[in-house]
Amino acid sequence: MLRVSVVTPADLAPRILATLQDDHAVSAIVHQPGAAVRPAGDLIVADVAREGVNEILDALRSWGLHERGSIHVEPSTTWLSRDGFEAERRTPGSSADAVVWADVTQRAYDESELNWTYASFMTMATMISAIALVLDSQVLLIGAMVLGPEFVPIAALGLALVRRRPGLLRQALRALLVGFVVAIAVATLASLLGRWWGWIEVGDLVARPETEFVYSPDRWSFVVAVIAGAAGVLSLTSAKVGGLSGVFISVTTVPAAGNIALALAFGVWDEVVGSSLQLLVNIVGMAVAGWLTLTLQHLVWQPVSARRAAVLERLRHRRERPAA
């Protein structure tokens, strides 16, 4: 169940209330006329089954409410309501499978923004992975993989294509490119300092049986990237998000970046090439898998949304006909 809060100009309130009242996915409605101060208007709050929220949001956007007022959607983690249960039962689909496109898109924009926090996490994850490779420690390597923030920008590439958001595509590409370049550059400087202090020797890059896979991509690298990318996108779009940390541990992006930095510092060019290929294979595999997964979800939910929108439109016309 999701709670949709709307601040609306008074002239739009009757249309919004009529739409909510006609929708079987809505279980509760609260209307407070004149409650909003900025922007001035009414406050309307509705409990909506997750499966039915897309059509309501589309209608609100089509009336320009996002420009004249505001729309806020938040999950209700715990709710006790017979009407809410009946609303979920009446609405086609499963709440766990439903994709709230506005929520997914907003998260993609937020977490693929190139900012100080993103660059810091990327840099620290790459440096930890470099240390893990020097020590040949899989435990440290897993920690670096979990710390890396690169998955959402990779998933945002597929989302931008499916939802036709060129701005999001440019933002995600910039975050990935600049983030990895900055992280590798800083980790390379740190590796050069480690070499100068004598903390790291070229032999540390040779005998690494536990972490050799980082610079040795094979066909399984792409297969794992595709499966992990699909699982990650499902975790982002579904109400069940427990599998996302497993995705971070499955893909060799940040470790490959860390090894590129180490290999650059010591001039081990075959490992630079191998790690770069590993990084590219994983990014491409996850991006393609994310795009295919989102396309499938879009194709599955589009007919359901179209039928619901048609029903709501008929109900609206039926309600407006007596008044005419």
Protein backbone atom coordinates (compact mmCIF):
# COMPACT_ATOMS: atom_id res chain seq x y z
CA MET A 1 0.00 0.00 0.00
CA LEU A 2 1.25 3.48 -0.92
CA ARG A 3 0.16 6.83 0.46
CA VAL A 4 -0.27 9.54 -2.17
CA SER A 5 -0.30 13.09 -0.77
CA VAL A 6 -1.32 15.90 -3.10
CA VAL A 7 -1.17 19.66 -2.66
CA THR A 8 -3.44 21.06 -5.33
CA PRO A 9 -5.01 24.36 -6.38
CA ALA A 10 -8.67 24.43 -5.37
CA ASP A 11 -9.89 24.34 -8.98
CA LEU A 12 -8.29 20.93 -9.57
CA ALA A 13 -9.48 19.37 -6.30
CA PRO A 14 -12.92 18.20 -7.57
CA ARG A 15 -11.36 16.43 -10.56
CA ILE A 16 -8.73 14.73 -8.37
CA LEU A 17 -11.32 13.64 -5.79
CA ALA A 18 -13.59 12.24 -8.51
CA THR A 19 -10.70 10.25 -9.99
CA LEU A 20 -9.72 8.82 -6.60
CA GLN A 21 -13.30 7.94 -5.69
CA ASP A 22 -13.82 6.10 -8.99
CA ASP A 23 -10.62 4.06 -8.66
CA HIS A 24 -11.02 0.63 -7.03
CA ALA A 25 -7.31 0.70 -6.08
CA VAL A 26 -7.99 3.54 -3.59
CA SER A 27 -9.08 2.51 -0.10
CA ALA A 28 -9.08 5.78 1.87
CA ILE A 29 -9.28 9.48 0.97
CA VAL A 30 -8.74 12.55 3.15
CA HIS A 31 -9.56 16.04 1.86
CA GLN A 32 -8.57 19.19 3.76
CA PRO A 33 -9.78 22.27 1.83
CA GLY A 34 -7.48 25.28 2.14
CA ALA A 35 -4.96 23.39 4.30
CA ALA A 36 -1.97 24.11 2.07
CA VAL A 37 -0.12 27.40 2.51
CA ARG A 38 2.58 27.15 -0.17
CA PRO A 39 1.43 26.60 -2.79
CA ALA A 40 -1.97 27.74 -1.60
CA GLY A 41 -4.68 25.15 -2.06
CA ASP A 42 -6.11 21.89 -0.77
CA LEU A 43 -4.45 18.84 0.73
CA ILE A 44 -5.65 15.45 -0.49
CA VAL A 45 -4.27 12.19 0.90
CA ALA A 46 -5.17 8.76 -0.44
CA ASP A 47 -4.16 5.18 0.32
CA VAL A 48 -3.59 3.40 -2.98
CA ALA A 49 -2.71 -0.20 -3.79
CA ARG A 50 0.79 -0.28 -5.26
CA GLU A 51 -0.49 -2.01 -8.41
CA GLY A 52 -2.77 0.92 -9.23
CA VAL A 53 -0.70 3.99 -8.44
CA ASN A 54 0.83 4.50 -11.91
CA GLU A 55 -2.48 5.42 -13.57
CA ILE A 56 -3.30 7.91 -10.81
CA LEU A 57 0.11 9.56 -11.09
CA ASP A 58 -0.20 9.71 -14.88
CA ALA A 59 -3.56 11.44 -14.56
CA LEU A 60 -2.24 13.95 -12.03
CA ARG A 61 0.72 14.76 -14.26
CA SER A 62 -1.51 15.12 -17.33
CA TRP A 63 -3.41 17.89 -15.50
CA GLY A 64 -0.15 19.71 -14.74
CA LEU A 65 -0.40 19.16 -10.99
CA HIS A 66 3.36 18.57 -10.68
CA GLU A 67 3.84 22.15 -11.95
CA ARG A 68 1.02 23.86 -10.07
CA GLY A 69 1.23 21.89 -6.84
CA SER A 70 3.05 18.82 -5.56
CA ILE A 71 2.71 15.03 -5.50
CA HIS A 72 4.30 12.94 -2.77
CA VAL A 73 4.32 9.13 -2.77
CA GLU A 74 5.55 7.11 0.20
CA PRO A 75 5.20 3.45 1.22
CA SER A 76 2.99 2.39 4.10
CA THR A 77 5.19 -0.24 5.70
CA THR A 78 2.53 -1.32 8.19
CA TRP A 79 -1.20 -0.86 7.67
CA LEU A 80 -4.34 -2.44 9.10
CA SER A 81 -7.37 -1.85 6.90
CA ARG A 82 -10.08 -4.13 5.56
CA ASP A 83 -10.74 -1.61 2.78
CA GLY A 84 -7.03 -1.57 1.97
CA PHE A 85 -6.98 -5.36 1.71
CA GLU A 86 -10.03 -5.29 -0.57
CA ALA A 87 -8.41 -2.59 -2.73
CA GLU A 88 -5.32 -4.76 -3.23
CA ARG A 89 -7.50 -7.76 -4.01
CA ARG A 90 -9.53 -5.83 -6.60
CA THR A 91 -6.52 -4.32 -8.36
CA PRO A 92 -4.95 -6.54 -11.06
CA GLY A 93 -1.44 -7.81 -10.44
CA SER A 94 0.73 -8.35 -7.38
CA SER A 95 2.13 -5.56 -5.22
CA ALA A 96 5.55 -7.25 -5.19
CA ASP A 97 5.65 -7.27 -8.99
CA ALA A 98 4.21 -3.79 -9.57
CA VAL A 99 6.65 -1.16 -10.87
CA VAL A 100 6.00 2.38 -9.69
CA TRP A 101 7.78 4.13 -12.53
CA ALA A 102 7.83 7.55 -10.86
CA ASP A 103 9.57 6.08 -7.80
CA VAL A 104 12.13 4.13 -9.85
CA THR A 105 12.90 7.11 -12.06
CA GLN A 106 13.29 9.46 -9.10
CA ARG A 107 15.68 7.05 -7.40
CA ALA A 108 17.68 6.68 -10.61
CA TYR A 109 18.06 10.45 -10.91
CA ASP A 110 19.01 10.83 -7.22
CA GLU A 111 21.56 8.01 -7.05
CA SER A 112 23.20 8.57 -10.43
CA GLU A 113 23.96 12.24 -9.77
CA LEU A 114 27.65 13.02 -9.94
CA ASN A 115 28.39 14.70 -6.62
CA TRP A 116 30.97 14.71 -3.85
CA THR A 117 29.33 11.83 -1.97
CA TYR A 118 29.14 9.58 -5.03
CA ALA A 119 32.77 10.29 -6.01
CA SER A 120 33.91 9.72 -2.42
CA PHE A 121 32.22 6.33 -2.13
CA MET A 122 33.56 5.29 -5.52
CA THR A 123 37.09 6.37 -4.62
CA MET A 124 37.08 4.71 -1.20
CA ALA A 125 35.66 1.49 -2.62
CA THR A 126 38.34 1.42 -5.33
CA MET A 127 41.13 2.05 -2.81
CA ILE A 128 39.87 -0.71 -0.51
CA SER A 129 39.70 -3.07 -3.47
CA ALA A 130 43.30 -2.20 -4.36
CA ILE A 131 44.37 -3.03 -0.79
CA ALA A 132 42.37 -6.26 -0.96
CA LEU A 133 44.20 -7.23 -4.15
CA VAL A 134 47.60 -6.52 -2.61
CA LEU A 135 46.68 -8.70 0.36
CA ASP A 136 44.88 -11.23 -1.88
CA SER A 137 41.91 -10.97 0.49
CA GLN A 138 38.45 -11.93 -0.78
CA VAL A 139 36.88 -10.62 2.44
CA LEU A 140 38.18 -7.10 1.86
CA LEU A 141 37.26 -7.37 -1.80
CA ILE A 142 33.64 -8.15 -0.91
CA GLY A 143 33.60 -5.14 1.40
CA ALA A 144 34.78 -2.91 -1.44
CA MET A 145 32.16 -4.34 -3.80
CA VAL A 146 29.35 -3.60 -1.33
CA LEU A 147 30.66 -0.06 -0.78
CA GLY A 148 30.73 0.80 -4.48
CA PRO A 149 27.81 3.04 -5.60
CA GLU A 150 27.99 2.24 -9.32
CA PHE A 151 25.07 -0.15 -9.75
CA VAL A 152 22.21 2.37 -9.81
CA PRO A 153 23.87 4.51 -12.53
CA ILE A 154 24.36 1.33 -14.58
CA ALA A 155 20.69 0.40 -14.10
CA ALA A 156 19.75 3.99 -14.95
CA LEU A 157 21.19 3.48 -18.45
CA GLY A 158 18.54 0.86 -19.22
CA LEU A 159 15.80 2.86 -17.49
CA ALA A 160 16.66 5.94 -19.55
CA LEU A 161 16.26 3.94 -22.76
CA VAL A 162 12.97 2.31 -21.73
CA ARG A 163 11.40 5.52 -20.38
CA ARG A 164 13.01 7.73 -23.06
CA ARG A 165 14.85 10.02 -20.67
CA PRO A 166 17.93 11.35 -22.53
CA GLY A 167 18.79 13.59 -19.58
CA LEU A 168 18.99 10.57 -17.28
CA LEU A 169 21.12 8.72 -19.84
CA ARG A 170 23.63 11.57 -20.00
CA GLN A 171 23.68 11.91 -16.21
CA ALA A 172 24.29 8.19 -15.64
CA LEU A 173 27.03 8.02 -18.27
CA ARG A 174 28.74 11.05 -16.75
CA ALA A 175 28.55 9.58 -13.24
CA LEU A 176 30.05 6.27 -14.39
CA LEU A 177 32.80 7.76 -16.55
CA VAL A 178 33.91 10.54 -14.21
CA GLY A 179 33.42 8.39 -11.11
CA PHE A 180 35.64 5.57 -12.35
CA VAL A 181 38.27 7.92 -13.80
CA VAL A 182 38.56 9.90 -10.57
CA ALA A 183 38.58 6.75 -8.41
CA ILE A 184 41.24 5.06 -10.55
CA ALA A 185 43.36 8.22 -10.63
CA VAL A 186 43.31 8.62 -6.84
CA ALA A 187 43.96 4.91 -6.28
CA THR A 188 46.85 5.04 -8.75
CA LEU A 189 48.45 7.93 -6.83
CA ALA A 190 47.96 6.00 -3.58
CA SER A 191 49.55 2.92 -5.17
CA LEU A 192 52.53 4.99 -6.32
CA LEU A 193 52.97 6.25 -2.77
CA GLY A 194 52.76 2.69 -1.49
CA ARG A 195 55.41 1.68 -4.00
CA TRP A 196 57.66 4.59 -2.98
CA TRP A 197 57.30 3.75 0.73
CA GLY A 198 57.99 0.09 0.03
CA TRP A 199 54.59 -1.09 1.21
CA ILE A 200 53.74 -2.59 -2.17
CA GLU A 201 56.03 -4.54 -4.48
CA VAL A 202 55.49 -5.73 -8.03
CA GLY A 203 55.48 -9.31 -6.72
CA ASP A 204 52.24 -8.52 -4.90
CA LEU A 205 50.56 -8.26 -8.29
CA VAL A 206 51.75 -11.63 -9.56
CA ALA A 207 50.92 -14.44 -7.13
CA ARG A 208 47.26 -13.83 -6.22
CA PRO A 209 45.33 -17.10 -6.48
CA GLU A 210 42.29 -15.82 -4.54
CA THR A 211 41.74 -12.66 -6.61
CA GLU A 212 43.18 -13.52 -10.02
CA PHE A 213 39.67 -13.44 -11.53
CA VAL A 214 39.68 -9.64 -11.29
CA TYR A 215 41.93 -9.30 -14.35
CA SER A 216 41.03 -12.56 -16.10
CA PRO A 217 37.58 -12.12 -17.69
CA ASP A 218 35.93 -15.09 -19.37
CA ARG A 219 32.48 -16.07 -20.65
CA TRP A 220 31.24 -16.56 -17.09
CA SER A 221 32.01 -12.92 -16.30
CA PHE A 222 29.39 -11.80 -18.80
CA VAL A 223 26.86 -14.43 -17.69
CA VAL A 224 27.19 -13.40 -14.04
CA ALA A 225 26.93 -9.71 -14.98
CA VAL A 226 23.71 -10.34 -16.93
CA ILE A 227 22.09 -12.36 -14.13
CA ALA A 228 23.22 -9.88 -11.47
CA GLY A 229 22.01 -6.94 -13.54
CA ALA A 230 18.56 -8.47 -13.96
CA ALA A 231 18.36 -9.31 -10.26
CA GLY A 232 19.47 -5.82 -9.30
CA VAL A 233 16.85 -4.13 -11.47
CA LEU A 234 14.15 -6.39 -10.02
CA SER A 235 15.30 -5.37 -6.53
CA LEU A 236 15.07 -1.69 -7.48
CA THR A 237 11.63 -1.92 -9.08
CA SER A 238 9.96 -4.43 -6.78
CA ALA A 239 8.63 -4.01 -3.27
CA LYS A 240 11.12 -6.74 -2.29
CA VAL A 241 14.63 -5.23 -2.20
CA GLY A 242 16.52 -7.83 -0.18
CA GLY A 243 18.61 -9.10 -3.09
CA LEU A 244 20.43 -5.87 -3.93
CA SER A 245 23.44 -6.45 -1.67
CA GLY A 246 23.96 -9.84 -3.32
CA VAL A 247 24.19 -8.09 -6.67
CA PHE A 248 26.97 -5.83 -5.40
CA ILE A 249 28.99 -8.88 -4.31
CA SER A 250 28.45 -10.69 -7.61
CA VAL A 251 29.94 -8.21 -10.07
CA THR A 252 33.59 -7.31 -10.61
CA THR A 253 33.44 -3.59 -11.35
CA VAL A 254 35.10 -1.83 -8.41
CA PRO A 255 37.72 -4.63 -7.98
CA ALA A 256 38.63 -4.27 -11.65
CA ALA A 257 39.03 -0.53 -11.19
CA GLY A 258 41.27 -1.11 -8.16
CA ASN A 259 43.46 -3.50 -10.13
CA ILE A 260 43.73 -1.02 -13.00
CA ALA A 261 45.12 1.50 -10.52
CA LEU A 262 47.65 -0.98 -9.10
CA ALA A 263 48.73 -2.18 -12.52
CA LEU A 264 49.17 1.39 -13.77
CA ALA A 265 51.37 2.24 -10.79
CA PHE A 266 53.68 -0.71 -11.55
CA GLY A 267 53.40 -0.73 -15.35
CA VAL A 268 51.88 -4.22 -15.51
CA TRP A 269 50.11 -3.57 -18.80
CA ASP A 270 48.63 -7.01 -19.35
CA GLU A 271 46.71 -6.63 -16.08
CA VAL A 272 45.63 -3.11 -17.08
CA VAL A 273 44.16 -4.56 -20.27
CA GLY A 274 42.60 -7.56 -18.52
CA SER A 275 41.05 -5.47 -15.74
CA SER A 276 39.75 -2.88 -18.21
CA LEU A 277 38.11 -5.66 -20.20
CA GLN A 278 36.65 -7.13 -17.02
CA LEU A 279 35.23 -3.74 -16.07
CA LEU A 280 33.76 -3.19 -19.53
CA VAL A 281 32.23 -6.69 -19.69
CA ASN A 282 30.52 -6.24 -16.34
CA ILE A 283 29.15 -2.78 -17.08
CA VAL A 284 27.86 -3.78 -20.52
CA GLY A 285 26.38 -7.03 -19.20
CA MET A 286 24.52 -5.32 -16.36
CA ALA A 287 23.34 -2.44 -18.53
CA VAL A 288 21.97 -4.79 -21.21
CA ALA A 289 20.32 -7.01 -18.59
CA GLY A 290 18.78 -3.99 -16.89
CA TRP A 291 17.40 -2.69 -20.17
CA LEU A 292 15.92 -6.09 -21.10
CA THR A 293 14.40 -6.56 -17.64
CA LEU A 294 12.82 -3.11 -17.60
CA THR A 295 11.55 -3.57 -21.16
CA LEU A 296 9.89 -6.85 -20.17
CA GLN A 297 8.34 -5.26 -17.09
CA HIS A 298 7.08 -2.38 -19.20
CA LEU A 299 5.55 -4.75 -21.75
CA VAL A 300 3.90 -6.84 -19.02
CA TRP A 301 2.40 -3.90 -17.13
CA GLN A 302 1.47 -1.73 -20.11
CA PRO A 303 -1.68 -3.73 -21.06
CA VAL A 304 -2.80 -3.83 -17.41
CA SER A 305 -2.29 -0.08 -17.07
CA ALA A 306 -4.08 0.57 -20.36
CA ARG A 307 -7.13 -1.45 -19.27
CA ARG A 308 -7.24 0.31 -15.89
CA ALA A 309 -6.89 3.73 -17.52
CA ALA A 310 -9.73 2.92 -19.94
CA VAL A 311 -11.99 1.83 -17.07
CA LEU A 312 -11.21 4.97 -15.08
CA GLU A 313 -11.89 7.14 -18.12
CA ARG A 314 -15.30 5.51 -18.64
CA LEU A 315 -16.16 6.02 -14.98
CA ARG A 316 -15.14 9.68 -15.19
CA HIS A 317 -17.33 10.23 -18.25
CA ARG A 318 -20.23 8.47 -16.53
CA ARG A 319 -19.83 10.71 -13.48
CA GLU A 320 -19.62 13.90 -15.57
CA ARG A 321 -22.56 13.04 -17.87
CA PRO A 322 -25.42 13.86 -15.42
CA ALA A 323 -23.82 17.20 -14.59
CA ALA A 324 -23.76 18.09 -18.30
